[in-house]
Each structure stands twice: as C-alpha cells, then as structure tokens.
Amino acid sequence: AALRELENEPTLLMTGGTWDPNSESFQGQVAEQVLRSYDFDQLFVG
C-alpha cells in the first residue's frame, strides 16, 4: 500500500501465499515458490 502511494510508483510484485496474522504477512509454500521464480539485487529484512 505504501509503495502504491509513491509518485514514481515502482513495479510491484506480491508473493501471495497464506496470510499469517502474527507476522501480518504472506507466508507458506506458495509464497516460497513465487520467490524462487525470480532473482533480486537486494533483500531488506528486519
């Protein structure tokens, strides 16, 4: 949602998957399979 508010909006990709209310994010095998289909320059993680 925050990315979509940028004036210079980037190309947005979502992992999809199973919603996890504890982490408030998508998790699971579907999300993992989607990620394995791409390669990225950087990961920013907390």
ModelCIF file with pLDDT and N, C-alpha, C, O atoms, coordinates in Angstrom:
data_MODEL
#
_entry.id   MODEL 
#
_entity.id                         1 
_entity.type                       polymer 
_entity.pdbx_number_of_molecules   1 
#
_entity_poly.entity_id                      1 
_entity_poly.type                           'polypeptide(L)' 
_entity_poly.nstd_linkage                   no 
_entity_poly.nstd_monomer                   no 
_entity_poly.pdbx_seq_one_letter_code       AALRELENEPTLLMTGGTWDPNSESFQGQVAEQVLRSYDFDQLFVG 
_entity_poly.pdbx_seq_one_letter_code_can   AALRELENEPTLLMTGGTWDPNSESFQGQVAEQVLRSYDFDQLFVG 
_entity_poly.pdbx_strand_id                 A 
#
loop_
_entity_poly_seq.entity_id 
_entity_poly_seq.num 
_entity_poly_seq.mon_id 
_entity_poly_seq.hetero 
1 1  ALA n 
1 2  ALA n 
1 3  LEU n 
1 4  ARG n 
1 5  GLU n 
1 6  LEU n 
1 7  GLU n 
1 8  ASN n 
1 9  GLU n 
1 10 PRO n 
1 11 THR n 
1 12 LEU n 
1 13 LEU n 
1 14 MET n 
1 15 THR n 
1 16 GLY n 
1 17 GLY n 
1 18 THR n 
1 19 TRP n 
1 20 ASP n 
1 21 PRO n 
1 22 ASN n 
1 23 SER n 
1 24 GLU n 
1 25 SER n 
1 26 PHE n 
1 27 GLN n 
1 28 GLY n 
1 29 GLN n 
1 30 VAL n 
1 31 ALA n 
1 32 GLU n 
1 33 GLN n 
1 34 VAL n 
1 35 LEU n 
1 36 ARG n 
1 37 SER n 
1 38 TYR n 
1 39 ASP n 
1 40 PHE n 
1 41 ASP n 
1 42 GLN n 
1 43 LEU n 
1 44 PHE n 
1 45 VAL n 
1 46 GLY n 
#
_struct_asym.id          A 
_struct_asym.entity_id   1 
#
loop_
_ma_qa_metric.id 
_ma_qa_metric.mode 
_ma_qa_metric.name 
_ma_qa_metric.software_group_id 
_ma_qa_metric.type 
1 global pLDDT . pLDDT 
2 local  pLDDT . pLDDT 
#
_ma_qa_metric_global.metric_id      1 
_ma_qa_metric_global.metric_value   89.80 
_ma_qa_metric_global.model_id       1 
_ma_qa_metric_global.ordinal_id     1 
#
loop_
_ma_qa_metric_local.label_asym_id 
_ma_qa_metric_local.label_comp_id 
_ma_qa_metric_local.label_seq_id 
_ma_qa_metric_local.metric_id 
_ma_qa_metric_local.metric_value 
_ma_qa_metric_local.model_id 
_ma_qa_metric_local.ordinal_id 
A ALA 1  2 86.00 1 1  
A ALA 2  2 86.00 1 2  
A LEU 3  2 89.00 1 3  
A ARG 4  2 85.00 1 4  
A GLU 5  2 80.00 1 5  
A LEU 6  2 82.00 1 6  
A GLU 7  2 76.00 1 7  
A ASN 8  2 81.00 1 8  
A GLU 9  2 85.00 1 9  
A PRO 10 2 93.00 1 10 
A THR 11 2 95.00 1 11 
A LEU 12 2 95.00 1 12 
A LEU 13 2 96.00 1 13 
A MET 14 2 95.00 1 14 
A THR 15 2 94.00 1 15 
A GLY 16 2 92.00 1 16 
A GLY 17 2 93.00 1 17 
A THR 18 2 91.00 1 18 
A TRP 19 2 88.00 1 19 
A ASP 20 2 82.00 1 20 
A PRO 21 2 75.00 1 21 
A ASN 22 2 71.00 1 22 
A SER 23 2 72.00 1 23 
A GLU 24 2 78.00 1 24 
A SER 25 2 86.00 1 25 
A PHE 26 2 91.00 1 26 
A GLN 27 2 90.00 1 27 
A GLY 28 2 91.00 1 28 
A GLN 29 2 93.00 1 29 
A VAL 30 2 94.00 1 30 
A ALA 31 2 94.00 1 31 
A GLU 32 2 94.00 1 32 
A GLN 33 2 94.00 1 33 
A VAL 34 2 94.00 1 34 
A LEU 35 2 95.00 1 35 
A ARG 36 2 94.00 1 36 
A SER 37 2 94.00 1 37 
A TYR 38 2 94.00 1 38 
A ASP 39 2 95.00 1 39 
A PHE 40 2 97.00 1 40 
A ASP 41 2 98.00 1 41 
A GLN 42 2 98.00 1 42 
A LEU 43 2 98.00 1 43 
A PHE 44 2 98.00 1 44 
A VAL 45 2 96.00 1 45 
A GLY 46 2 93.00 1 46 
#
loop_
_atom_site.group_PDB 
_atom_site.id 
_atom_site.type_symbol 
_atom_site.label_atom_id 
_atom_site.label_alt_id 
_atom_site.label_comp_id 
_atom_site.label_asym_id 
_atom_site.label_entity_id 
_atom_site.label_seq_id 
_atom_site.pdbx_PDB_ins_code 
_atom_site.Cartn_x 
_atom_site.Cartn_y 
_atom_site.Cartn_z 
_atom_site.occupancy 
_atom_site.B_iso_or_equiv 
_atom_site.pdbx_formal_charge 
_atom_site.auth_seq_id 
_atom_site.auth_comp_id 
_atom_site.auth_asym_id 
_atom_site.auth_atom_id 
_atom_site.pdbx_PDB_model_num 
ATOM 1   N N  . ALA A 1 1  ? 0.832  -1.209  0.000   1.00 86.00 ? 1  ALA A N  1 
ATOM 2   C CA . ALA A 1 1  ? 0.000  0.000   0.000   1.00 86.00 ? 1  ALA A CA 1 
ATOM 3   C C  . ALA A 1 1  ? 0.865  1.258   0.000   1.00 86.00 ? 1  ALA A C  1 
ATOM 4   O O  . ALA A 1 1  ? 0.565  2.227   -0.697  1.00 86.00 ? 1  ALA A O  1 
ATOM 5   N N  . ALA A 1 2  ? 1.940  1.235   0.786   1.00 86.00 ? 2  ALA A N  1 
ATOM 6   C CA . ALA A 1 2  ? 2.828  2.394   0.842   1.00 86.00 ? 2  ALA A CA 1 
ATOM 7   C C  . ALA A 1 2  ? 3.539  2.613   -0.494  1.00 86.00 ? 2  ALA A C  1 
ATOM 8   O O  . ALA A 1 2  ? 3.721  3.754   -0.919  1.00 86.00 ? 2  ALA A O  1 
ATOM 9   N N  . LEU A 1 3  ? 3.937  1.539   -1.147  1.00 89.00 ? 3  LEU A N  1 
ATOM 10  C CA . LEU A 1 3  ? 4.597  1.656   -2.448  1.00 89.00 ? 3  LEU A CA 1 
ATOM 11  C C  . LEU A 1 3  ? 3.669  2.271   -3.486  1.00 89.00 ? 3  LEU A C  1 
ATOM 12  O O  . LEU A 1 3  ? 4.111  3.045   -4.334  1.00 89.00 ? 3  LEU A O  1 
ATOM 13  N N  . ARG A 1 4  ? 2.395  1.932   -3.424  1.00 85.00 ? 4  ARG A N  1 
ATOM 14  C CA . ARG A 1 4  ? 1.438  2.434   -4.407  1.00 85.00 ? 4  ARG A CA 1 
ATOM 15  C C  . ARG A 1 4  ? 1.184  3.929   -4.255  1.00 85.00 ? 4  ARG A C  1 
ATOM 16  O O  . ARG A 1 4  ? 0.661  4.564   -5.171  1.00 85.00 ? 4  ARG A O  1 
ATOM 17  N N  . GLU A 1 5  ? 1.547  4.490   -3.118  1.00 80.00 ? 5  GLU A N  1 
ATOM 18  C CA . GLU A 1 5  ? 1.340  5.920   -2.903  1.00 80.00 ? 5  GLU A CA 1 
ATOM 19  C C  . GLU A 1 5  ? 2.503  6.769   -3.407  1.00 80.00 ? 5  GLU A C  1 
ATOM 20  O O  . GLU A 1 5  ? 2.417  7.997   -3.407  1.00 80.00 ? 5  GLU A O  1 
ATOM 21  N N  . LEU A 1 6  ? 3.593  6.125   -3.838  1.00 82.00 ? 6  LEU A N  1 
ATOM 22  C CA . LEU A 1 6  ? 4.720  6.892   -4.352  1.00 82.00 ? 6  LEU A CA 1 
ATOM 23  C C  . LEU A 1 6  ? 4.352  7.525   -5.686  1.00 82.00 ? 6  LEU A C  1 
ATOM 24  O O  . LEU A 1 6  ? 3.712  6.894   -6.527  1.00 82.00 ? 6  LEU A O  1 
ATOM 25  N N  . GLU A 1 7  ? 4.762  8.783   -5.875  1.00 76.00 ? 7  GLU A N  1 
ATOM 26  C CA . GLU A 1 7  ? 4.514  9.445   -7.151  1.00 76.00 ? 7  GLU A CA 1 
ATOM 27  C C  . GLU A 1 7  ? 5.199  8.678   -8.285  1.00 76.00 ? 7  GLU A C  1 
ATOM 28  O O  . GLU A 1 7  ? 4.631  8.505   -9.363  1.00 76.00 ? 7  GLU A O  1 
ATOM 29  N N  . ASN A 1 8  ? 6.420  8.225   -8.027  1.00 81.00 ? 8  ASN A N  1 
ATOM 30  C CA . ASN A 1 8  ? 7.183  7.459   -9.005  1.00 81.00 ? 8  ASN A CA 1 
ATOM 31  C C  . ASN A 1 8  ? 7.029  5.982   -8.653  1.00 81.00 ? 8  ASN A C  1 
ATOM 32  O O  . ASN A 1 8  ? 7.967  5.344   -8.176  1.00 81.00 ? 8  ASN A O  1 
ATOM 33  N N  . GLU A 1 9  ? 5.838  5.453   -8.894  1.00 85.00 ? 9  GLU A N  1 
ATOM 34  C CA . GLU A 1 9  ? 5.484  4.120   -8.389  1.00 85.00 ? 9  GLU A CA 1 
ATOM 35  C C  . GLU A 1 9  ? 6.327  3.023   -9.049  1.00 85.00 ? 9  GLU A C  1 
ATOM 36  O O  . GLU A 1 9  ? 6.389  2.950   -10.276 1.00 85.00 ? 9  GLU A O  1 
ATOM 37  N N  . PRO A 1 10 ? 6.977  2.170   -8.246  1.00 93.00 ? 10 PRO A N  1 
ATOM 38  C CA . PRO A 1 10 ? 7.768  1.075   -8.828  1.00 93.00 ? 10 PRO A CA 1 
ATOM 39  C C  . PRO A 1 10 ? 6.876  -0.047  -9.331  1.00 93.00 ? 10 PRO A C  1 
ATOM 40  O O  . PRO A 1 10 ? 5.679  -0.078  -9.042  1.00 93.00 ? 10 PRO A O  1 
ATOM 41  N N  . THR A 1 11 ? 7.457  -0.956  -10.077 1.00 95.00 ? 11 THR A N  1 
ATOM 42  C CA . THR A 1 11 ? 6.745  -2.178  -10.445 1.00 95.00 ? 11 THR A CA 1 
ATOM 43  C C  . THR A 1 11 ? 6.615  -3.033  -9.188  1.00 95.00 ? 11 THR A C  1 
ATOM 44  O O  . THR A 1 11 ? 7.615  -3.377  -8.559  1.00 95.00 ? 11 THR A O  1 
ATOM 45  N N  . LEU A 1 12 ? 5.397  -3.369  -8.832  1.00 95.00 ? 12 LEU A N  1 
ATOM 46  C CA . LEU A 1 12 ? 5.125  -4.066  -7.579  1.00 95.00 ? 12 LEU A CA 1 
ATOM 47  C C  . LEU A 1 12 ? 4.812  -5.533  -7.849  1.00 95.00 ? 12 LEU A C  1 
ATOM 48  O O  . LEU A 1 12 ? 3.969  -5.860  -8.684  1.00 95.00 ? 12 LEU A O  1 
ATOM 49  N N  . LEU A 1 13 ? 5.508  -6.414  -7.124  1.00 96.00 ? 13 LEU A N  1 
ATOM 50  C CA . LEU A 1 13 ? 5.260  -7.848  -7.169  1.00 96.00 ? 13 LEU A CA 1 
ATOM 51  C C  . LEU A 1 13 ? 4.856  -8.313  -5.773  1.00 96.00 ? 13 LEU A C  1 
ATOM 52  O O  . LEU A 1 13 ? 5.452  -7.891  -4.782  1.00 96.00 ? 13 LEU A O  1 
ATOM 53  N N  . MET A 1 14 ? 3.851  -9.177  -5.689  1.00 95.00 ? 14 MET A N  1 
ATOM 54  C CA . MET A 1 14 ? 3.428  -9.734  -4.410  1.00 95.00 ? 14 MET A CA 1 
ATOM 55  C C  . MET A 1 14 ? 3.700  -11.240 -4.392  1.00 95.00 ? 14 MET A C  1 
ATOM 56  O O  . MET A 1 14 ? 3.541  -11.929 -5.400  1.00 95.00 ? 14 MET A O  1 
ATOM 57  N N  . THR A 1 15 ? 4.110  -11.729 -3.227  1.00 94.00 ? 15 THR A N  1 
ATOM 58  C CA . THR A 1 15 ? 4.389  -13.165 -3.121  1.00 94.00 ? 15 THR A CA 1 
ATOM 59  C C  . THR A 1 15 ? 3.127  -13.995 -3.155  1.00 94.00 ? 15 THR A C  1 
ATOM 60  O O  . THR A 1 15 ? 3.147  -15.130 -3.631  1.00 94.00 ? 15 THR A O  1 
ATOM 61  N N  . GLY A 1 16 ? 2.011  -13.443 -2.651  1.00 92.00 ? 16 GLY A N  1 
ATOM 62  C CA . GLY A 1 16 ? 0.852  -14.287 -2.434  1.00 92.00 ? 16 GLY A CA 1 
ATOM 63  C C  . GLY A 1 16 ? 1.169  -15.295 -1.335  1.00 92.00 ? 16 GLY A C  1 
ATOM 64  O O  . GLY A 1 16 ? 2.165  -15.158 -0.625  1.00 92.00 ? 16 GLY A O  1 
ATOM 65  N N  . GLY A 1 17 ? 0.323  -16.300 -1.199  1.00 93.00 ? 17 GLY A N  1 
ATOM 66  C CA . GLY A 1 17 ? 0.550  -17.303 -0.168  1.00 93.00 ? 17 GLY A CA 1 
ATOM 67  C C  . GLY A 1 17 ? -0.530 -17.292 0.887   1.00 93.00 ? 17 GLY A C  1 
ATOM 68  O O  . GLY A 1 17 ? -1.638 -16.812 0.651   1.00 93.00 ? 17 GLY A O  1 
ATOM 69  N N  . THR A 1 18 ? -0.206 -17.818 2.045   1.00 91.00 ? 18 THR A N  1 
ATOM 70  C CA . THR A 1 18 ? -1.142 -17.917 3.167   1.00 91.00 ? 18 THR A CA 1 
ATOM 71  C C  . THR A 1 18 ? -0.926 -16.759 4.121   1.00 91.00 ? 18 THR A C  1 
ATOM 72  O O  . THR A 1 18 ? 0.201  -16.502 4.544   1.00 91.00 ? 18 THR A O  1 
ATOM 73  N N  . TRP A 1 19 ? -2.007 -16.053 4.465   1.00 88.00 ? 19 TRP A N  1 
ATOM 74  C CA . TRP A 1 19 ? -1.897 -14.900 5.345   1.00 88.00 ? 19 TRP A CA 1 
ATOM 75  C C  . TRP A 1 19 ? -1.628 -15.350 6.779   1.00 88.00 ? 19 TRP A C  1 
ATOM 76  O O  . TRP A 1 19 ? -2.353 -16.177 7.331   1.00 88.00 ? 19 TRP A O  1 
ATOM 77  N N  . ASP A 1 20 ? -0.572 -14.790 7.370   1.00 82.00 ? 20 ASP A N  1 
ATOM 78  C CA . ASP A 1 20 ? -0.216 -15.103 8.753   1.00 82.00 ? 20 ASP A CA 1 
ATOM 79  C C  . ASP A 1 20 ? -0.517 -13.879 9.611   1.00 82.00 ? 20 ASP A C  1 
ATOM 80  O O  . ASP A 1 20 ? 0.182  -12.872 9.495   1.00 82.00 ? 20 ASP A O  1 
ATOM 81  N N  . PRO A 1 21 ? -1.540 -13.935 10.472  1.00 75.00 ? 21 PRO A N  1 
ATOM 82  C CA . PRO A 1 21 ? -1.915 -12.754 11.260  1.00 75.00 ? 21 PRO A CA 1 
ATOM 83  C C  . PRO A 1 21 ? -0.866 -12.364 12.290  1.00 75.00 ? 21 PRO A C  1 
ATOM 84  O O  . PRO A 1 21 ? -0.831 -11.208 12.710  1.00 75.00 ? 21 PRO A O  1 
ATOM 85  N N  . ASN A 1 22 ? -0.011 -13.290 12.711  1.00 71.00 ? 22 ASN A N  1 
ATOM 86  C CA . ASN A 1 22 ? 1.011  -12.958 13.707  1.00 71.00 ? 22 ASN A CA 1 
ATOM 87  C C  . ASN A 1 22 ? 2.078  -12.036 13.130  1.00 71.00 ? 22 ASN A C  1 
ATOM 88  O O  . ASN A 1 22 ? 2.472  -11.059 13.768  1.00 71.00 ? 22 ASN A O  1 
ATOM 89  N N  . SER A 1 23 ? 2.542  -12.345 11.931  1.00 72.00 ? 23 SER A N  1 
ATOM 90  C CA . SER A 1 23 ? 3.557  -11.503 11.295  1.00 72.00 ? 23 SER A CA 1 
ATOM 91  C C  . SER A 1 23 ? 2.938  -10.466 10.372  1.00 72.00 ? 23 SER A C  1 
ATOM 92  O O  . SER A 1 23 ? 3.639  -9.600  9.847   1.00 72.00 ? 23 SER A O  1 
ATOM 93  N N  . GLU A 1 24 ? 1.601  -10.552 10.167  1.00 78.00 ? 24 GLU A N  1 
ATOM 94  C CA . GLU A 1 24 ? 0.880  -9.666  9.248   1.00 78.00 ? 24 GLU A CA 1 
ATOM 95  C C  . GLU A 1 24 ? 1.541  -9.674  7.871   1.00 78.00 ? 24 GLU A C  1 
ATOM 96  O O  . GLU A 1 24 ? 1.842  -8.627  7.297   1.00 78.00 ? 24 GLU A O  1 
ATOM 97  N N  . SER A 1 25 ? 1.756  -10.878 7.364   1.00 86.00 ? 25 SER A N  1 
ATOM 98  C CA . SER A 1 25 ? 2.395  -11.027 6.059   1.00 86.00 ? 25 SER A CA 1 
ATOM 99  C C  . SER A 1 25 ? 1.992  -12.368 5.468   1.00 86.00 ? 25 SER A C  1 
ATOM 100 O O  . SER A 1 25 ? 1.463  -13.236 6.162   1.00 86.00 ? 25 SER A O  1 
ATOM 101 N N  . PHE A 1 26 ? 2.253  -12.521 4.166   1.00 91.00 ? 26 PHE A N  1 
ATOM 102 C CA . PHE A 1 26 ? 2.001  -13.788 3.500   1.00 91.00 ? 26 PHE A CA 1 
ATOM 103 C C  . PHE A 1 26 ? 3.188  -14.715 3.713   1.00 91.00 ? 26 PHE A C  1 
ATOM 104 O O  . PHE A 1 26 ? 4.342  -14.290 3.661   1.00 91.00 ? 26 PHE A O  1 
ATOM 105 N N  . GLN A 1 27 ? 2.889  -15.985 3.954   1.00 90.00 ? 27 GLN A N  1 
ATOM 106 C CA . GLN A 1 27 ? 3.903  -16.994 4.202   1.00 90.00 ? 27 GLN A CA 1 
ATOM 107 C C  . GLN A 1 27 ? 3.528  -18.261 3.452   1.00 90.00 ? 27 GLN A C  1 
ATOM 108 O O  . GLN A 1 27 ? 2.521  -18.295 2.746   1.00 90.00 ? 27 GLN A O  1 
ATOM 109 N N  . GLY A 1 28 ? 4.334  -19.299 3.603   1.00 91.00 ? 28 GLY A N  1 
ATOM 110 C CA . GLY A 1 28 ? 3.956  -20.614 3.097   1.00 91.00 ? 28 GLY A CA 1 
ATOM 111 C C  . GLY A 1 28 ? 4.580  -20.991 1.773   1.00 91.00 ? 28 GLY A C  1 
ATOM 112 O O  . GLY A 1 28 ? 5.350  -20.230 1.188   1.00 91.00 ? 28 GLY A O  1 
ATOM 113 N N  . GLN A 1 29 ? 4.233  -22.187 1.310   1.00 93.00 ? 29 GLN A N  1 
ATOM 114 C CA . GLN A 1 29 ? 4.865  -22.787 0.136   1.00 93.00 ? 29 GLN A CA 1 
ATOM 115 C C  . GLN A 1 29 ? 4.584  -22.015 -1.144  1.00 93.00 ? 29 GLN A C  1 
ATOM 116 O O  . GLN A 1 29 ? 5.458  -21.912 -2.005  1.00 93.00 ? 29 GLN A O  1 
ATOM 117 N N  . VAL A 1 30 ? 3.376  -21.471 -1.286  1.00 94.00 ? 30 VAL A N  1 
ATOM 118 C CA . VAL A 1 30 ? 3.059  -20.707 -2.497  1.00 94.00 ? 30 VAL A CA 1 
ATOM 119 C C  . VAL A 1 30 ? 3.967  -19.489 -2.597  1.00 94.00 ? 30 VAL A C  1 
ATOM 120 O O  . VAL A 1 30 ? 4.528  -19.209 -3.657  1.00 94.00 ? 30 VAL A O  1 
ATOM 121 N N  . ALA A 1 31 ? 4.108  -18.767 -1.491  1.00 94.00 ? 31 ALA A N  1 
ATOM 122 C CA . ALA A 1 31 ? 4.979  -17.594 -1.474  1.00 94.00 ? 31 ALA A CA 1 
ATOM 123 C C  . ALA A 1 31 ? 6.426  -17.976 -1.792  1.00 94.00 ? 31 ALA A C  1 
ATOM 124 O O  . ALA A 1 31 ? 7.118  -17.265 -2.521  1.00 94.00 ? 31 ALA A O  1 
ATOM 125 N N  . GLU A 1 32 ? 6.872  -19.094 -1.242  1.00 94.00 ? 32 GLU A N  1 
ATOM 126 C CA . GLU A 1 32 ? 8.239  -19.551 -1.491  1.00 94.00 ? 32 GLU A CA 1 
ATOM 127 C C  . GLU A 1 32 ? 8.450  -19.902 -2.963  1.00 94.00 ? 32 GLU A C  1 
ATOM 128 O O  . GLU A 1 32 ? 9.490  -19.586 -3.539  1.00 94.00 ? 32 GLU A O  1 
ATOM 129 N N  . GLN A 1 33 ? 7.453  -20.560 -3.568  1.00 94.00 ? 33 GLN A N  1 
ATOM 130 C CA . GLN A 1 33 ? 7.566  -20.930 -4.978  1.00 94.00 ? 33 GLN A CA 1 
ATOM 131 C C  . GLN A 1 33 ? 7.627  -19.699 -5.867  1.00 94.00 ? 33 GLN A C  1 
ATOM 132 O O  . GLN A 1 33 ? 8.385  -19.669 -6.836  1.00 94.00 ? 33 GLN A O  1 
ATOM 133 N N  . VAL A 1 34 ? 6.836  -18.685 -5.546  1.00 94.00 ? 34 VAL A N  1 
ATOM 134 C CA . VAL A 1 34 ? 6.859  -17.441 -6.326  1.00 94.00 ? 34 VAL A CA 1 
ATOM 135 C C  . VAL A 1 34 ? 8.236  -16.801 -6.252  1.00 94.00 ? 34 VAL A C  1 
ATOM 136 O O  . VAL A 1 34 ? 8.781  -16.380 -7.273  1.00 94.00 ? 34 VAL A O  1 
ATOM 137 N N  . LEU A 1 35 ? 8.801  -16.724 -5.060  1.00 95.00 ? 35 LEU A N  1 
ATOM 138 C CA . LEU A 1 35 ? 10.121 -16.101 -4.889  1.00 95.00 ? 35 LEU A CA 1 
ATOM 139 C C  . LEU A 1 35 ? 11.196 -16.845 -5.662  1.00 95.00 ? 35 LEU A C  1 
ATOM 140 O O  . LEU A 1 35 ? 12.099 -16.222 -6.222  1.00 95.00 ? 35 LEU A O  1 
ATOM 141 N N  . ARG A 1 36 ? 11.114 -18.145 -5.700  1.00 94.00 ? 36 ARG A N  1 
ATOM 142 C CA . ARG A 1 36 ? 12.127 -18.945 -6.397  1.00 94.00 ? 36 ARG A CA 1 
ATOM 143 C C  . ARG A 1 36 ? 12.085 -18.747 -7.913  1.00 94.00 ? 36 ARG A C  1 
ATOM 144 O O  . ARG A 1 36 ? 12.995 -19.171 -8.626  1.00 94.00 ? 36 ARG A O  1 
ATOM 145 N N  . SER A 1 37 ? 11.026 -18.104 -8.397  1.00 94.00 ? 37 SER A N  1 
ATOM 146 C CA . SER A 1 37 ? 10.904 -17.854 -9.836  1.00 94.00 ? 37 SER A CA 1 
ATOM 147 C C  . SER A 1 37 ? 11.633 -16.588 -10.266 1.00 94.00 ? 37 SER A C  1 
ATOM 148 O O  . SER A 1 37 ? 11.720 -16.301 -11.460 1.00 94.00 ? 37 SER A O  1 
ATOM 149 N N  . TYR A 1 38 ? 12.167 -15.817 -9.295  1.00 94.00 ? 38 TYR A N  1 
ATOM 150 C CA . TYR A 1 38 ? 12.803 -14.547 -9.601  1.00 94.00 ? 38 TYR A CA 1 
ATOM 151 C C  . TYR A 1 38 ? 14.215 -14.522 -9.021  1.00 94.00 ? 38 TYR A C  1 
ATOM 152 O O  . TYR A 1 38 ? 14.601 -15.377 -8.224  1.00 94.00 ? 38 TYR A O  1 
ATOM 153 N N  . ASP A 1 39 ? 14.970 -13.508 -9.451  1.00 95.00 ? 39 ASP A N  1 
ATOM 154 C CA . ASP A 1 39 ? 16.221 -13.199 -8.769  1.00 95.00 ? 39 ASP A CA 1 
ATOM 155 C C  . ASP A 1 39 ? 16.246 -11.693 -8.516  1.00 95.00 ? 39 ASP A C  1 
ATOM 156 O O  . ASP A 1 39 ? 15.703 -10.913 -9.299  1.00 95.00 ? 39 ASP A O  1 
ATOM 157 N N  . PHE A 1 40 ? 16.881 -11.296 -7.415  1.00 97.00 ? 40 PHE A N  1 
ATOM 158 C CA . PHE A 1 40 ? 16.839 -9.913  -6.968  1.00 97.00 ? 40 PHE A CA 1 
ATOM 159 C C  . PHE A 1 40 ? 18.241 -9.416  -6.616  1.00 97.00 ? 40 PHE A C  1 
ATOM 160 O O  . PHE A 1 40 ? 19.145 -10.193 -6.310  1.00 97.00 ? 40 PHE A O  1 
ATOM 161 N N  . ASP A 1 41 ? 18.383 -8.097  -6.672  1.00 98.00 ? 41 ASP A N  1 
ATOM 162 C CA . ASP A 1 41 ? 19.658 -7.494  -6.293  1.00 98.00 ? 41 ASP A CA 1 
ATOM 163 C C  . ASP A 1 41 ? 19.815 -7.451  -4.783  1.00 98.00 ? 41 ASP A C  1 
ATOM 164 O O  . ASP A 1 41 ? 20.894 -7.728  -4.259  1.00 98.00 ? 41 ASP A O  1 
ATOM 165 N N  . GLN A 1 42 ? 18.724 -7.097  -4.070  1.00 98.00 ? 42 GLN A N  1 
ATOM 166 C CA . GLN A 1 42 ? 18.829 -6.887  -2.628  1.00 98.00 ? 42 GLN A CA 1 
ATOM 167 C C  . GLN A 1 42 ? 17.573 -7.332  -1.895  1.00 98.00 ? 42 GLN A C  1 
ATOM 168 O O  . GLN A 1 42 ? 16.463 -7.243  -2.420  1.00 98.00 ? 42 GLN A O  1 
ATOM 169 N N  . LEU A 1 43 ? 17.768 -7.805  -0.690  1.00 98.00 ? 43 LEU A N  1 
ATOM 170 C CA . LEU A 1 43 ? 16.687 -8.069  0.253   1.00 98.00 ? 43 LEU A CA 1 
ATOM 171 C C  . LEU A 1 43 ? 16.862 -7.152  1.449   1.00 98.00 ? 43 LEU A C  1 
ATOM 172 O O  . LEU A 1 43 ? 17.949 -7.066  2.019   1.00 98.00 ? 43 LEU A O  1 
ATOM 173 N N  . PHE A 1 44 ? 15.784 -6.463  1.830   1.00 98.00 ? 44 PHE A N  1 
ATOM 174 C CA . PHE A 1 44 ? 15.774 -5.640  3.031   1.00 98.00 ? 44 PHE A CA 1 
ATOM 175 C C  . PHE A 1 44 ? 14.829 -6.305  4.035   1.00 98.00 ? 44 PHE A C  1 
ATOM 176 O O  . PHE A 1 44 ? 13.626 -6.418  3.799   1.00 98.00 ? 44 PHE A O  1 
ATOM 177 N N  . VAL A 1 45 ? 15.398 -6.740  5.151   1.00 96.00 ? 45 VAL A N  1 
ATOM 178 C CA . VAL A 1 45 ? 14.644 -7.530  6.114   1.00 96.00 ? 45 VAL A CA 1 
ATOM 179 C C  . VAL A 1 45 ? 14.930 -7.021  7.525   1.00 96.00 ? 45 VAL A C  1 
ATOM 180 O O  . VAL A 1 45 ? 16.052 -6.617  7.830   1.00 96.00 ? 45 VAL A O  1 
ATOM 181 N N  . GLY A 1 46 ? 13.921 -7.041  8.372   1.00 93.00 ? 46 GLY A N  1 
ATOM 182 C CA . GLY A 1 46 ? 14.092 -6.629  9.758   1.00 93.00 ? 46 GLY A CA 1 
ATOM 183 C C  . GLY A 1 46 ? 14.432 -7.809  10.645  1.00 93.00 ? 46 GLY A C  1 
ATOM 184 O O  . GLY A 1 46 ? 14.611 -7.642  11.852  1.00 93.00 ? 46 GLY A O  1 
#
